[in-house]
Protein backbone atom coordinates (compact mmCIF):
# COMPACT_ATOMS: atom_id res chain seq x y z
CA UNK A 1 49.29 62.14 79.20
CA UNK A 2 49.94 61.38 83.11
CA UNK A 3 46.44 61.91 84.14
CA UNK A 4 44.79 59.57 81.44
CA UNK A 5 42.56 56.55 82.99
CA UNK A 6 44.52 53.43 81.70
CA UNK A 7 41.59 50.42 82.49
CA UNK A 8 38.43 49.40 83.97
CA UNK A 9 39.80 49.19 87.48
CA UNK A 10 41.30 52.87 87.00
CA UNK A 11 38.00 54.09 85.49
CA UNK A 12 36.12 52.44 88.75
CA UNK A 13 38.35 54.38 90.86
CA UNK A 14 37.83 57.58 89.24
CA UNK A 15 34.27 57.31 90.23
CA UNK A 16 34.72 56.18 93.63
CA UNK A 17 33.90 52.39 93.28
CA UNK A 18 35.55 49.95 94.83
CA UNK A 19 37.96 47.81 92.53
CA UNK A 20 36.40 44.63 91.68
CA UNK A 21 38.08 41.40 92.69
CA UNK A 22 39.06 39.08 89.30
CA UNK A 23 38.35 35.63 89.03
CA UNK A 24 42.11 35.32 88.78
CA UNK A 25 42.56 36.33 92.47
CA UNK A 26 40.37 33.54 94.08
CA UNK A 27 42.08 30.98 95.31
CA UNK A 28 41.71 27.76 92.87
CA UNK A 29 43.18 24.73 92.51
CA UNK A 30 41.73 24.16 88.76
CA UNK A 31 45.03 25.00 86.97
CA UNK A 32 46.60 22.16 88.89
CA UNK A 33 43.96 19.64 88.29
CA UNK A 34 43.98 20.56 84.54
CA UNK A 35 47.63 20.22 84.10
CA UNK A 36 48.22 17.08 86.45
CA UNK A 37 45.37 15.53 84.53
CA UNK A 38 46.53 16.44 80.92
CA UNK A 39 50.20 14.82 82.59
CA UNK A 40 48.57 11.84 83.31
CA UNK A 41 46.38 10.92 80.38
CA UNK A 42 49.70 11.94 78.44
CA UNK A 43 51.50 9.31 80.34
CA UNK A 44 49.04 6.22 79.86
CA UNK A 45 48.76 7.53 76.34
CA UNK A 46 52.45 7.33 75.86
CA UNK A 47 52.66 3.82 77.99
CA UNK A 48 49.75 2.26 75.97
CA UNK A 49 51.52 3.45 72.52
CA UNK A 50 55.10 2.31 73.53
CA UNK A 51 54.46 -0.84 75.59
CA UNK A 52 50.93 -1.85 74.59
CA UNK A 53 50.09 -2.12 78.31
CA UNK A 54 49.29 -0.07 81.18
CA UNK A 55 51.88 -0.28 83.86
CA UNK A 56 52.12 1.45 86.80
CA UNK A 57 55.67 2.21 87.41
CA UNK A 58 56.43 3.41 83.69
CA UNK A 59 53.18 5.61 83.99
CA UNK A 60 54.17 6.87 87.41
CA UNK A 61 57.74 8.01 85.59
CA UNK A 62 56.04 9.47 82.73
CA UNK A 63 53.28 11.44 84.74
CA UNK A 64 56.03 13.35 86.78
CA UNK A 65 58.25 13.88 83.77
CA UNK A 66 55.38 15.25 81.61
CA UNK A 67 53.97 17.45 84.76
CA UNK A 68 57.52 19.10 85.26
CA UNK A 69 57.56 20.16 81.64
CA UNK A 70 53.71 21.21 81.70
CA UNK A 71 54.50 23.30 84.84
CA UNK A 72 57.87 24.45 83.36
CA UNK A 73 56.26 25.76 80.34
CA UNK A 74 53.69 27.60 82.54
CA UNK A 75 56.53 29.32 84.44
CA UNK A 76 58.37 30.01 80.96
CA UNK A 77 55.46 31.93 79.58
CA UNK A 78 56.09 34.80 81.63
CA UNK A 79 59.41 34.72 83.73
CA UNK A 80 59.18 37.88 85.03
CA UNK A 81 55.81 37.33 86.87
CA UNK A 82 57.18 33.72 87.66
CA UNK A 83 60.47 35.26 89.00
CA UNK A 84 58.28 37.67 91.22
CA UNK A 85 56.18 35.12 92.78
CA UNK A 86 58.95 32.70 93.36
CA UNK A 87 60.91 35.12 94.94
CA UNK A 88 58.47 35.29 97.79
CA UNK A 89 59.15 31.89 99.07
CA UNK A 90 62.17 30.08 97.77
CA UNK A 91 64.85 30.29 99.83
CA UNK A 92 67.79 30.09 97.31
CA UNK A 93 66.03 32.42 94.84
CA UNK A 94 66.16 35.02 97.78
CA UNK A 95 69.77 34.87 98.08
CA UNK A 96 70.89 34.54 94.27
CA UNK A 97 67.92 36.02 92.25
CA UNK A 98 69.31 34.53 88.91
CA UNK A 99 68.15 31.20 90.41
CA UNK A 100 64.52 32.16 89.73
CA UNK A 101 65.16 32.45 86.26
CA UNK A 102 67.25 29.27 85.82
CA UNK A 103 64.88 27.11 87.51
CA UNK A 104 61.88 26.50 85.26
CA UNK A 105 64.99 25.81 82.60
CA UNK A 106 66.28 23.28 84.71
CA UNK A 107 62.74 21.91 85.39
CA UNK A 108 61.71 21.49 81.94
CA UNK A 109 65.10 19.68 80.64
CA UNK A 110 64.99 17.53 83.48
CA UNK A 111 61.43 16.25 82.69
CA UNK A 112 62.41 16.02 79.05
CA UNK A 113 65.52 14.17 80.05
CA UNK A 114 63.24 11.80 82.03
CA UNK A 115 60.88 11.14 79.24
CA UNK A 116 63.82 10.18 77.27
CA UNK A 117 65.01 7.01 79.51
CA UNK A 118 68.14 7.16 77.95
CA UNK A 119 70.36 6.40 81.10
CA UNK A 120 73.40 8.92 80.22
CA UNK A 121 70.95 11.75 79.88
CA UNK A 122 68.77 10.67 82.76
CA UNK A 123 71.90 10.42 84.71
CA UNK A 124 72.85 13.85 83.76
CA UNK A 125 69.69 15.80 84.63
CA UNK A 126 68.35 13.82 87.52
CA UNK A 127 70.98 15.57 89.77
CA UNK A 128 69.51 18.81 88.95
CA UNK A 129 66.10 17.72 89.13
CA UNK A 130 66.98 16.38 92.58
CA UNK A 131 68.82 19.80 93.53
CA UNK A 132 65.72 21.95 92.98
CA UNK A 133 63.24 19.51 94.38
CA UNK A 134 65.11 19.52 97.47
CA UNK A 135 65.14 23.24 97.74
CA UNK A 136 61.70 23.64 96.67
CA UNK A 137 60.35 21.18 98.77
CA UNK A 138 62.48 23.02 101.89
CA UNK A 139 61.25 26.57 100.75
CA UNK A 140 57.70 25.51 100.63
CA UNK A 141 57.63 23.61 103.88
CA UNK A 142 59.60 26.33 105.60
CA UNK A 143 57.14 29.02 104.20
CA UNK A 144 53.94 27.34 104.89
CA UNK A 145 54.42 25.11 107.91
CA UNK A 146 57.03 26.93 110.03
CA UNK A 147 56.50 30.45 109.18
CA UNK A 148 52.76 30.14 108.58
CA UNK A 149 52.90 32.54 105.74
CA UNK A 150 49.87 32.82 103.25
CA UNK A 151 51.21 32.93 99.70
CA UNK A 152 50.35 31.87 96.05
CA UNK A 153 52.77 29.23 94.48
CA UNK A 154 54.34 29.88 91.53
CA UNK A 155 54.51 26.47 90.55
CA UNK A 156 51.89 27.00 87.85
CA UNK A 157 53.68 30.27 86.37
CA UNK A 158 53.62 33.80 87.76
CA UNK A 159 50.25 35.73 89.24
CA UNK A 160 48.99 32.39 90.14
CA UNK A 161 45.73 32.11 91.99
CA UNK A 162 47.14 28.43 93.54
CA UNK A 163 47.67 28.67 97.18
CA UNK A 164 51.21 27.72 98.23
CA UNK A 165 50.94 24.52 100.40
CA UNK A 166 50.26 20.80 100.06
CA UNK A 167 50.15 20.83 96.41
CA UNK A 168 53.23 22.77 96.03
CA UNK A 169 55.06 20.40 98.46
CA UNK A 170 53.92 17.47 96.94
CA UNK A 171 55.42 18.61 93.54
CA UNK A 172 58.79 19.08 94.86
CA UNK A 173 58.48 15.69 96.59
CA UNK A 174 57.66 13.89 93.46
CA UNK A 175 60.35 15.59 91.73
CA UNK A 176 62.65 14.32 94.56
CA UNK A 177 61.25 10.84 94.47
CA UNK A 178 61.58 10.47 90.80
CA UNK A 179 64.81 12.02 90.34
CA UNK A 180 66.43 9.57 93.54
CA UNK A 181 64.34 6.63 91.49
CA UNK A 182 66.15 7.55 88.06
CA UNK A 183 69.52 7.76 89.75
CA UNK A 184 68.89 4.51 91.56
CA UNK A 185 67.47 2.50 88.31
CA UNK A 186 70.05 3.90 86.04
CA UNK A 187 73.02 3.35 88.30
CA UNK A 188 72.36 -0.30 89.39
């Protein structure tokens, strides 16, 4: 039945009421804080378990790697929503739409490779992380700081309410920095 009312918002519209804004639409950093906190706790726990110490460099390496995996999983849980939001600002995805599909897989595998710390695996994955981090950083910088667009970040998955900006840029810069560090560390 084409006239059937499908949900609460449709029912409100049917009775002439305005659509209510959901909590999901409000700008929030809560998902980013939760994910980065979990990544940091995992890095601390892993470093403590493996080394019995809390050394800042291994913790930083693990933090970035765990954050990449956690963020990738958020993107992978609904690839279509991620792609739709990502296409709004990513320069490469706008030219080659399949890149929006490939991106979270590359991010996840690069993060897992960094956790292994196996030089051959890290050296194979780091260039890919460097590439996606660089493209992402340039895309976010252009969209937010040059074009002054008010967008939501696909960094925590599609349909996110996290604003595109400093956090998104920082995520990409961390991926670039960690990729360069891993290349230097394992090529030296």
